[in-house]
Structure formats: C-alpha cells, structure tokens
Amino acid sequence: MVILFDIDGTLIDHNQAEAIAVAALRHRLGVTEPGGAFLYRWRTALERHYSGYLAGELSIQEPRRERLREVVEPTLSDTAADELIAAYIDDYLLACRLYSDVEPTLARLSAYRMGIISNGERNQQQGKLERTGIAHYFDALILSTECGMAKPAPGIFQLACVSMGVPPSQAVYVGDRQDVDAEAARRAGLLGIWLVHGELLNRPECGDSPFTRFQPCGWDCEPINNVTAS
C-alpha cells in the first residue's frame, strides 16, 4: 500500500499563501480596490481559466496570463504578464506554510511509502516541499508539466502508481478537491480521500459525499489507517 498526496490546499495552506501574495501584488500595482474584493476576483478568475489547462488545451502559463488580464488589465502583453506572475509566485512561495498537523501526520504514516501528484511545475512544487521540511517523506513527485497529463486525467494517477511499483488498487490518494482529486483518483482505480479543512466545512458540496472527511482544526489519518490496516 502506498499513499499519494496533493500539495496545495492539502499539505500547504494555499489560501493563506495566496492571500499574502495577492496583497503584495495589489501593493505593487497600486490597486485601490478593497483587498477582499480583489482577492475574490483573483480566485474566481483562475477557476474560469484553469479548466483549459486541466483539459490539456492550454499551457500552465496561459491561464495565469488570462487571470491577470481579467483582474488587472486586459491589454497586458505576455511579457508584462509573465513578469507580474514571476513576482507573484516568488511572494507566494515565501508565504507557504504547512497546515499545523501535516508534519505530525506524515510522521505517523512514515512506515508507508508516500508520493506526490500535483498539477504544477517542479521548481515550485519541489521547492514548497523542501522549504517546509517535508520533502524527505516522499519517494516520488509526479507533476503535470513533466508528464503531459493533469489531474483529473486518469493517466497521471496511473503513472504515479507505476512509479511507486503498485497497482492502483494498492494506492490511496488524498486531496482537497472532490472532483479533481478524490473522484478522479477513484475513477483511476485508487482509493480517493477528499480532505476538507476547517474553513471549507460550510461549502454546500461537502454534503454527504463518501469522500468527505470533516476536521475543523486540520485533518486525521484515521481513514487512511483503516485502509492500510485492511
């Protein structure tokens, strides 16, 4: 049995890092719009544009550029957008922190081989793991930009299983999104666990999903223990 994880919103507190980086972007651009409203537009714009990347129709950089054009300035050139994106990513990486119970939980699970599946780039995603001191827990880092497939495509999950030397039926995948993580992993033959952090508990889609794990102050590895003990 192996255990595979998402990074952003699962191990790393993405919302906090994003809020800090967006505040720095607002300051850099001299934006006068209230911070909460700007952050909301930033987050919802990515949801609109990111689907093209998940479908394999766009590079990972194109949705980032389109978000900036929607939120900041429609006439931004690729070069100007890329400069702002690079500065934003630097601020984001500096702000990355683990959820408080991630390291203790990984330590509890360290008897199992573990890996990462992430829709991201190596310099950023591996940098997050190293910066937060948890890189040594993982035997494999499977990234969409390197394998040409992005979650929720079954292939990226199956590739991770091959790299770990197990069939999908012997793998657990833990992520913070029901569609892209838990259900996508299940369709690929893995056990999908939907990790729901405290700030997400009031989302209507949490409902009665078989993937949901409610942990108001973090998360609990009991669902994983139940599987690995069977």
C-alpha atoms as a PDB file:
ATOM      1  CA  MET A   1       0.000   0.000   0.000  1.00  0.00           C
ATOM      2  CA  VAL A   2       1.265   3.478  -0.917  1.00  0.00           C
ATOM      3  CA  ILE A   3      -0.187   6.865  -0.018  1.00  0.00           C
ATOM      4  CA  LEU A   4      -0.165   9.727  -2.524  1.00  0.00           C
ATOM      5  CA  PHE A   5      -0.912  13.364  -1.785  1.00  0.00           C
ATOM      6  CA  ASP A   6      -1.843  16.609  -3.448  1.00  0.00           C
ATOM      7  CA  ILE A   7       0.201  19.623  -2.248  1.00  0.00           C
ATOM      8  CA  ASP A   8      -1.701  22.923  -2.399  1.00  0.00           C
ATOM      9  CA  GLY A   9      -4.654  23.058  -0.026  1.00  0.00           C
ATOM     10  CA  THR A  10      -3.774  19.602   1.287  1.00  0.00           C
ATOM     11  CA  LEU A  11      -0.289  19.876   2.784  1.00  0.00           C
ATOM     12  CA  ILE A  12       0.381  23.572   2.161  1.00  0.00           C
ATOM     13  CA  ASP A  13      -2.038  26.267   3.351  1.00  0.00           C
ATOM     14  CA  HIS A  14      -2.713  27.581  -0.133  1.00  0.00           C
ATOM     15  CA  ASN A  15      -5.371  30.113   0.876  1.00  0.00           C
ATOM     16  CA  GLN A  16      -3.089  31.859   3.340  1.00  0.00           C
ATOM     17  CA  ALA A  17      -0.123  31.980   0.951  1.00  0.00           C
ATOM     18  CA  GLU A  18      -2.341  33.198  -1.872  1.00  0.00           C
ATOM     19  CA  ALA A  19      -3.833  35.980   0.257  1.00  0.00           C
ATOM     20  CA  ILE A  20      -0.367  37.217   1.239  1.00  0.00           C
ATOM     21  CA  ALA A  21       0.920  37.119  -2.337  1.00  0.00           C
ATOM     22  CA  VAL A  22      -2.189  38.865  -3.689  1.00  0.00           C
ATOM     23  CA  ALA A  23      -1.800  41.629  -1.094  1.00  0.00           C
ATOM     24  CA  ALA A  24       1.781  42.146  -2.307  1.00  0.00           C
ATOM     25  CA  LEU A  25       0.533  42.245  -5.911  1.00  0.00           C
ATOM     26  CA  ARG A  26      -2.073  44.886  -5.033  1.00  0.00           C
ATOM     27  CA  HIS A  27       0.630  46.995  -3.393  1.00  0.00           C
ATOM     28  CA  ARG A  28       2.974  46.544  -6.363  1.00  0.00           C
ATOM     29  CA  LEU A  29       0.293  47.675  -8.813  1.00  0.00           C
ATOM     30  CA  GLY A  30      -1.119  50.441  -6.624  1.00  0.00           C
ATOM     31  CA  VAL A  31      -4.598  48.913  -6.719  1.00  0.00           C
ATOM     32  CA  THR A  32      -7.159  50.885  -4.691  1.00  0.00           C
ATOM     33  CA  GLU A  33      -9.889  48.237  -4.773  1.00  0.00           C
ATOM     34  CA  PRO A  34     -10.522  46.746  -1.301  1.00  0.00           C
ATOM     35  CA  GLY A  35      -8.332  43.753  -0.596  1.00  0.00           C
ATOM     36  CA  GLY A  36     -11.178  41.298  -0.035  1.00  0.00           C
ATOM     37  CA  ALA A  37     -12.881  42.174  -3.301  1.00  0.00           C
ATOM     38  CA  PHE A  38      -9.619  41.969  -5.254  1.00  0.00           C
ATOM     39  CA  LEU A  39      -8.772  38.590  -3.718  1.00  0.00           C
ATOM     40  CA  TYR A  40     -12.236  37.262  -4.569  1.00  0.00           C
ATOM     41  CA  ARG A  41     -11.893  38.321  -8.206  1.00  0.00           C
ATOM     42  CA  TRP A  42      -8.383  36.810  -8.320  1.00  0.00           C
ATOM     43  CA  ARG A  43      -9.610  33.441  -7.090  1.00  0.00           C
ATOM     44  CA  THR A  44     -12.739  33.226  -9.217  1.00  0.00           C
ATOM     45  CA  ALA A  45     -10.881  34.306 -12.368  1.00  0.00           C
ATOM     46  CA  LEU A  46      -8.493  31.372 -12.097  1.00  0.00           C
ATOM     47  CA  GLU A  47     -11.385  28.931 -11.773  1.00  0.00           C
ATOM     48  CA  ARG A  48     -12.745  30.238 -15.061  1.00  0.00           C
ATOM     49  CA  HIS A  49      -9.474  29.996 -16.946  1.00  0.00           C
ATOM     50  CA  TYR A  50      -7.806  26.960 -15.344  1.00  0.00           C
ATOM     51  CA  SER A  51     -10.200  24.418 -16.835  1.00  0.00           C
ATOM     52  CA  GLY A  52      -8.455  24.776 -20.198  1.00  0.00           C
ATOM     53  CA  TYR A  53      -5.195  23.633 -18.625  1.00  0.00           C
ATOM     54  CA  LEU A  54      -6.850  20.709 -16.847  1.00  0.00           C
ATOM     55  CA  ALA A  55      -8.328  19.634 -20.182  1.00  0.00           C
ATOM     56  CA  GLY A  56      -4.896  19.738 -21.813  1.00  0.00           C
ATOM     57  CA  GLU A  57      -5.860  22.600 -24.103  1.00  0.00           C
ATOM     58  CA  LEU A  58      -3.591  25.302 -22.603  1.00  0.00           C
ATOM     59  CA  SER A  59      -0.109  25.525 -21.132  1.00  0.00           C
ATOM     60  CA  ILE A  60       0.101  26.174 -17.408  1.00  0.00           C
ATOM     61  CA  GLN A  61       1.171  29.770 -18.055  1.00  0.00           C
ATOM     62  CA  GLU A  62      -1.769  30.742 -20.258  1.00  0.00           C
ATOM     63  CA  PRO A  63      -4.476  30.637 -17.550  1.00  0.00           C
ATOM     64  CA  ARG A  64      -2.199  32.716 -15.320  1.00  0.00           C
ATOM     65  CA  ARG A  65      -1.879  35.384 -18.005  1.00  0.00           C
ATOM     66  CA  GLU A  66      -5.609  35.401 -18.674  1.00  0.00           C
ATOM     67  CA  ARG A  67      -6.354  35.806 -14.975  1.00  0.00           C
ATOM     68  CA  LEU A  68      -4.103  38.860 -14.809  1.00  0.00           C
ATOM     69  CA  ARG A  69      -5.733  40.355 -17.879  1.00  0.00           C
ATOM     70  CA  GLU A  70      -9.182  39.832 -16.406  1.00  0.00           C
ATOM     71  CA  VAL A  71      -8.355  41.119 -12.934  1.00  0.00           C
ATOM     72  CA  VAL A  72      -5.698  43.773 -13.611  1.00  0.00           C
ATOM     73  CA  GLU A  73      -5.518  44.997 -17.208  1.00  0.00           C
ATOM     74  CA  PRO A  74      -6.999  43.457 -20.400  1.00  0.00           C
ATOM     75  CA  THR A  75      -4.203  44.779 -22.631  1.00  0.00           C
ATOM     76  CA  LEU A  76      -1.258  43.262 -20.719  1.00  0.00           C
ATOM     77  CA  SER A  77       1.347  41.796 -23.041  1.00  0.00           C
ATOM     78  CA  ASP A  78       2.642  38.279 -22.424  1.00  0.00           C
ATOM     79  CA  THR A  79       5.960  39.745 -21.278  1.00  0.00           C
ATOM     80  CA  ALA A  80       4.368  42.138 -18.790  1.00  0.00           C
ATOM     81  CA  ALA A  81       2.038  39.426 -17.516  1.00  0.00           C
ATOM     82  CA  ASP A  82       4.912  36.963 -17.098  1.00  0.00           C
ATOM     83  CA  GLU A  83       6.892  39.494 -15.047  1.00  0.00           C
ATOM     84  CA  LEU A  84       3.943  40.004 -12.696  1.00  0.00           C
ATOM     85  CA  ILE A  85       3.367  36.260 -12.490  1.00  0.00           C
ATOM     86  CA  ALA A  86       7.012  35.650 -11.552  1.00  0.00           C
ATOM     87  CA  ALA A  87       6.863  38.272  -8.786  1.00  0.00           C
ATOM     88  CA  TYR A  88       3.573  36.845  -7.516  1.00  0.00           C
ATOM     89  CA  ILE A  89       4.974  33.306  -7.438  1.00  0.00           C
ATOM     90  CA  ASP A  90       8.055  34.489  -5.517  1.00  0.00           C
ATOM     91  CA  ASP A  91       5.811  36.101  -2.897  1.00  0.00           C
ATOM     92  CA  TYR A  92       3.587  33.022  -2.792  1.00  0.00           C
ATOM     93  CA  LEU A  93       6.499  30.643  -2.230  1.00  0.00           C
ATOM     94  CA  LEU A  94       7.877  32.811   0.570  1.00  0.00           C
ATOM     95  CA  ALA A  95       4.459  32.677   2.265  1.00  0.00           C
ATOM     96  CA  CYS A  96       3.983  28.899   2.008  1.00  0.00           C
ATOM     97  CA  ARG A  97       3.385  27.177   5.334  1.00  0.00           C
ATOM     98  CA  LEU A  98       2.218  23.695   6.286  1.00  0.00           C
ATOM     99  CA  TYR A  99      -1.089  23.165   7.988  1.00  0.00           C
ATOM    100  CA  SER A 100      -0.145  22.693  11.616  1.00  0.00           C
ATOM    101  CA  ASP A 101      -0.891  18.984  11.784  1.00  0.00           C
ATOM    102  CA  VAL A 102       0.632  17.910   8.472  1.00  0.00           C
ATOM    103  CA  GLU A 103       4.135  17.065   9.680  1.00  0.00           C
ATOM    104  CA  PRO A 104       2.951  15.039  12.699  1.00  0.00           C
ATOM    105  CA  THR A 105       0.541  13.133  10.466  1.00  0.00           C
ATOM    106  CA  LEU A 106       3.225  12.376   7.865  1.00  0.00           C
ATOM    107  CA  ALA A 107       5.454  11.168  10.661  1.00  0.00           C
ATOM    108  CA  ARG A 108       2.685   8.810  11.826  1.00  0.00           C
ATOM    109  CA  LEU A 109       2.344   7.456   8.284  1.00  0.00           C
ATOM    110  CA  SER A 110       6.082   7.181   7.611  1.00  0.00           C
ATOM    111  CA  ALA A 111       6.010   3.369   7.696  1.00  0.00           C
ATOM    112  CA  TYR A 112       4.242   3.579   4.320  1.00  0.00           C
ATOM    113  CA  ARG A 113       5.820   4.691   1.063  1.00  0.00           C
ATOM    114  CA  MET A 114       4.418   8.072   0.060  1.00  0.00           C
ATOM    115  CA  GLY A 115       4.415  10.221  -3.048  1.00  0.00           C
ATOM    116  CA  ILE A 116       3.014  13.384  -4.608  1.00  0.00           C
ATOM    117  CA  ILE A 117       0.752  14.011  -7.609  1.00  0.00           C
ATOM    118  CA  SER A 118       0.457  17.709  -8.426  1.00  0.00           C
ATOM    119  CA  ASN A 119      -0.723  19.967 -11.230  1.00  0.00           C
ATOM    120  CA  GLY A 120       2.341  22.183 -11.147  1.00  0.00           C
ATOM    121  CA  GLU A 121       5.954  22.844 -12.037  1.00  0.00           C
ATOM    122  CA  ARG A 122       8.948  21.185 -10.380  1.00  0.00           C
ATOM    123  CA  ASN A 123      10.787  24.326  -9.275  1.00  0.00           C
ATOM    124  CA  GLN A 124       7.697  25.500  -7.393  1.00  0.00           C
ATOM    125  CA  GLN A 125       6.272  22.254  -6.065  1.00  0.00           C
ATOM    126  CA  GLN A 126       9.531  20.640  -5.019  1.00  0.00           C
ATOM    127  CA  GLY A 127      10.587  23.990  -3.566  1.00  0.00           C
ATOM    128  CA  LYS A 128       7.469  24.022  -1.366  1.00  0.00           C
ATOM    129  CA  LEU A 129       8.226  20.558  -0.026  1.00  0.00           C
ATOM    130  CA  GLU A 130      11.853  21.431   0.667  1.00  0.00           C
ATOM    131  CA  ARG A 131      11.102  24.830   2.175  1.00  0.00           C
ATOM    132  CA  THR A 132       8.582  23.348   4.591  1.00  0.00           C
ATOM    133  CA  GLY A 133      10.850  20.454   5.536  1.00  0.00           C
ATOM    134  CA  ILE A 134       8.735  17.529   4.349  1.00  0.00           C
ATOM    135  CA  ALA A 135      10.426  16.553   1.059  1.00  0.00           C
ATOM    136  CA  HIS A 136      12.133  13.562   2.684  1.00  0.00           C
ATOM    137  CA  TYR A 137       8.793  11.829   3.276  1.00  0.00           C
ATOM    138  CA  PHE A 138       8.111  11.333  -0.441  1.00  0.00           C
ATOM    139  CA  ASP A 139       9.616   8.792  -2.838  1.00  0.00           C
ATOM    140  CA  ALA A 140       8.024  10.192  -5.998  1.00  0.00           C
ATOM    141  CA  LEU A 141       6.937  13.589  -7.283  1.00  0.00           C
ATOM    142  CA  ILE A 142       4.640  13.285 -10.310  1.00  0.00           C
ATOM    143  CA  LEU A 143       3.992  16.647 -11.965  1.00  0.00           C
ATOM    144  CA  SER A 144       1.581  17.553 -14.727  1.00  0.00           C
ATOM    145  CA  THR A 145       4.069  19.789 -16.517  1.00  0.00           C
ATOM    146  CA  GLU A 146       6.524  16.906 -16.863  1.00  0.00           C
ATOM    147  CA  CYS A 147       4.251  14.012 -17.768  1.00  0.00           C
ATOM    148  CA  GLY A 148       1.908  15.861 -20.135  1.00  0.00           C
ATOM    149  CA  MET A 149      -1.209  14.959 -18.154  1.00  0.00           C
ATOM    150  CA  ALA A 150      -3.028  16.907 -15.458  1.00  0.00           C
ATOM    151  CA  LYS A 151      -5.491  15.849 -12.791  1.00  0.00           C
ATOM    152  CA  PRO A 152      -8.276  14.801 -13.207  1.00  0.00           C
ATOM    153  CA  ALA A 153      -6.955  12.681 -16.121  1.00  0.00           C
ATOM    154  CA  PRO A 154      -6.665   9.027 -15.003  1.00  0.00           C
ATOM    155  CA  GLY A 155      -3.261   8.719 -16.635  1.00  0.00           C
ATOM    156  CA  ILE A 156      -1.431  10.890 -14.127  1.00  0.00           C
ATOM    157  CA  PHE A 157      -2.695   8.766 -11.230  1.00  0.00           C
ATOM    158  CA  GLN A 158      -1.813   5.548 -13.032  1.00  0.00           C
ATOM    159  CA  LEU A 159       1.652   6.871 -13.843  1.00  0.00           C
ATOM    160  CA  ALA A 160       2.202   7.611 -10.158  1.00  0.00           C
ATOM    161  CA  CYS A 161       1.244   4.045  -9.288  1.00  0.00           C
ATOM    162  CA  VAL A 162       3.676   2.693 -11.877  1.00  0.00           C
ATOM    163  CA  SER A 163       6.439   4.897 -10.487  1.00  0.00           C
ATOM    164  CA  MET A 164       5.717   3.563  -6.982  1.00  0.00           C
ATOM    165  CA  GLY A 165       5.562  -0.027  -8.200  1.00  0.00           C
ATOM    166  CA  VAL A 166       1.978  -0.818  -7.164  1.00  0.00           C
ATOM    167  CA  PRO A 167      -1.353  -1.342  -8.947  1.00  0.00           C
ATOM    168  CA  PRO A 168      -3.948   1.427  -8.444  1.00  0.00           C
ATOM    169  CA  SER A 169      -5.911  -0.833  -6.099  1.00  0.00           C
ATOM    170  CA  GLN A 170      -2.981  -0.628  -3.673  1.00  0.00           C
ATOM    171  CA  ALA A 171      -2.811   3.177  -3.632  1.00  0.00           C
ATOM    172  CA  VAL A 172      -4.587   5.892  -1.652  1.00  0.00           C
ATOM    173  CA  TYR A 173      -4.797   9.470  -2.914  1.00  0.00           C
ATOM    174  CA  VAL A 174      -5.525  12.394  -0.586  1.00  0.00           C
ATOM    175  CA  GLY A 175      -6.515  15.812  -1.919  1.00  0.00           C
ATOM    176  CA  ASP A 176      -8.607  18.850  -1.043  1.00  0.00           C
ATOM    177  CA  ARG A 177     -10.835  18.863  -4.133  1.00  0.00           C
ATOM    178  CA  GLN A 178     -13.656  16.417  -4.594  1.00  0.00           C
ATOM    179  CA  ASP A 179     -13.661  16.472  -8.400  1.00  0.00           C
ATOM    180  CA  VAL A 180     -10.013  16.868  -9.379  1.00  0.00           C
ATOM    181  CA  ASP A 181      -8.617  14.801  -6.502  1.00  0.00           C
ATOM    182  CA  ALA A 182     -10.868  12.260  -4.760  1.00  0.00           C
ATOM    183  CA  GLU A 183     -13.291  11.353  -7.528  1.00  0.00           C
ATOM    184  CA  ALA A 184     -10.599  11.484 -10.204  1.00  0.00           C
ATOM    185  CA  ALA A 185      -8.420   9.118  -8.162  1.00  0.00           C
ATOM    186  CA  ARG A 186     -11.361   6.736  -7.715  1.00  0.00           C
ATOM    187  CA  ARG A 187     -12.028   6.697 -11.461  1.00  0.00           C
ATOM    188  CA  ALA A 188      -8.362   5.763 -11.984  1.00  0.00           C
ATOM    189  CA  GLY A 189      -8.729   2.811  -9.617  1.00  0.00           C
ATOM    190  CA  LEU A 190      -7.244   4.287  -6.437  1.00  0.00           C
ATOM    191  CA  LEU A 191      -8.972   4.975  -3.168  1.00  0.00           C
ATOM    192  CA  GLY A 192      -9.769   8.709  -3.206  1.00  0.00           C
ATOM    193  CA  ILE A 193      -9.919  10.608   0.075  1.00  0.00           C
ATOM    194  CA  TRP A 194     -11.338  14.134  -0.003  1.00  0.00           C
ATOM    195  CA  LEU A 195      -9.599  16.164   2.680  1.00  0.00           C
ATOM    196  CA  VAL A 196     -11.781  19.024   3.900  1.00  0.00           C
ATOM    197  CA  HIS A 197     -10.018  21.618   6.027  1.00  0.00           C
ATOM    198  CA  GLY A 198     -11.933  23.650   8.583  1.00  0.00           C
ATOM    199  CA  GLU A 199     -12.507  26.757   6.510  1.00  0.00           C
ATOM    200  CA  LEU A 200     -14.280  24.695   3.843  1.00  0.00           C
ATOM    201  CA  LEU A 201     -16.798  22.956   6.071  1.00  0.00           C
ATOM    202  CA  ASN A 202     -19.697  25.230   5.157  1.00  0.00           C
ATOM    203  CA  ARG A 203     -19.381  24.630   1.415  1.00  0.00           C
ATOM    204  CA  PRO A 204     -22.638  23.068   0.155  1.00  0.00           C
ATOM    205  CA  GLU A 205     -20.808  20.499  -1.962  1.00  0.00           C
ATOM    206  CA  CYS A 206     -19.393  18.901   1.184  1.00  0.00           C
ATOM    207  CA  GLY A 207     -22.832  17.350   1.748  1.00  0.00           C
ATOM    208  CA  ASP A 208     -22.867  13.597   2.201  1.00  0.00           C
ATOM    209  CA  SER A 209     -20.045  12.802  -0.219  1.00  0.00           C
ATOM    210  CA  PRO A 210     -18.408   9.433   0.521  1.00  0.00           C
ATOM    211  CA  PHE A 211     -15.053  11.173   0.138  1.00  0.00           C
ATOM    212  CA  THR A 212     -15.598  13.882   2.751  1.00  0.00           C
ATOM    213  CA  ARG A 213     -13.504  13.933   5.929  1.00  0.00           C
ATOM    214  CA  PHE A 214     -14.518  16.768   8.288  1.00  0.00           C
ATOM    215  CA  GLN A 215     -11.713  18.004  10.526  1.00  0.00           C
ATOM    216  CA  PRO A 216     -12.332  21.562  11.785  1.00  0.00           C
ATOM    217  CA  CYS A 217      -8.782  22.091  13.037  1.00  0.00           C
ATOM    218  CA  GLY A 218      -6.934  20.122  10.404  1.00  0.00           C
ATOM    219  CA  TRP A 219      -7.051  16.503   9.418  1.00  0.00           C
ATOM    220  CA  ASP A 220      -6.921  12.991  10.717  1.00  0.00           C
ATOM    221  CA  CYS A 221      -5.228   9.962   9.170  1.00  0.00           C
ATOM    222  CA  GLU A 222      -7.825   7.535  10.554  1.00  0.00           C
ATOM    223  CA  PRO A 223      -9.452   6.930   7.118  1.00  0.00           C
ATOM    224  CA  ILE A 224      -6.018   6.040   5.727  1.00  0.00           C
ATOM    225  CA  ASN A 225      -5.215   3.841   8.712  1.00  0.00           C
ATOM    226  CA  ASN A 226      -8.454   1.966   8.163  1.00  0.00           C
ATOM    227  CA  VAL A 227      -7.486   1.194   4.577  1.00  0.00           C
ATOM    228  CA  THR A 228      -3.844   0.325   5.204  1.00  0.00           C
ATOM    229  CA  ALA A 229      -4.822  -1.979   8.050  1.00  0.00           C
ATOM    230  CA  SER A 230      -7.177  -3.983   5.850  1.00  0.00           C
END
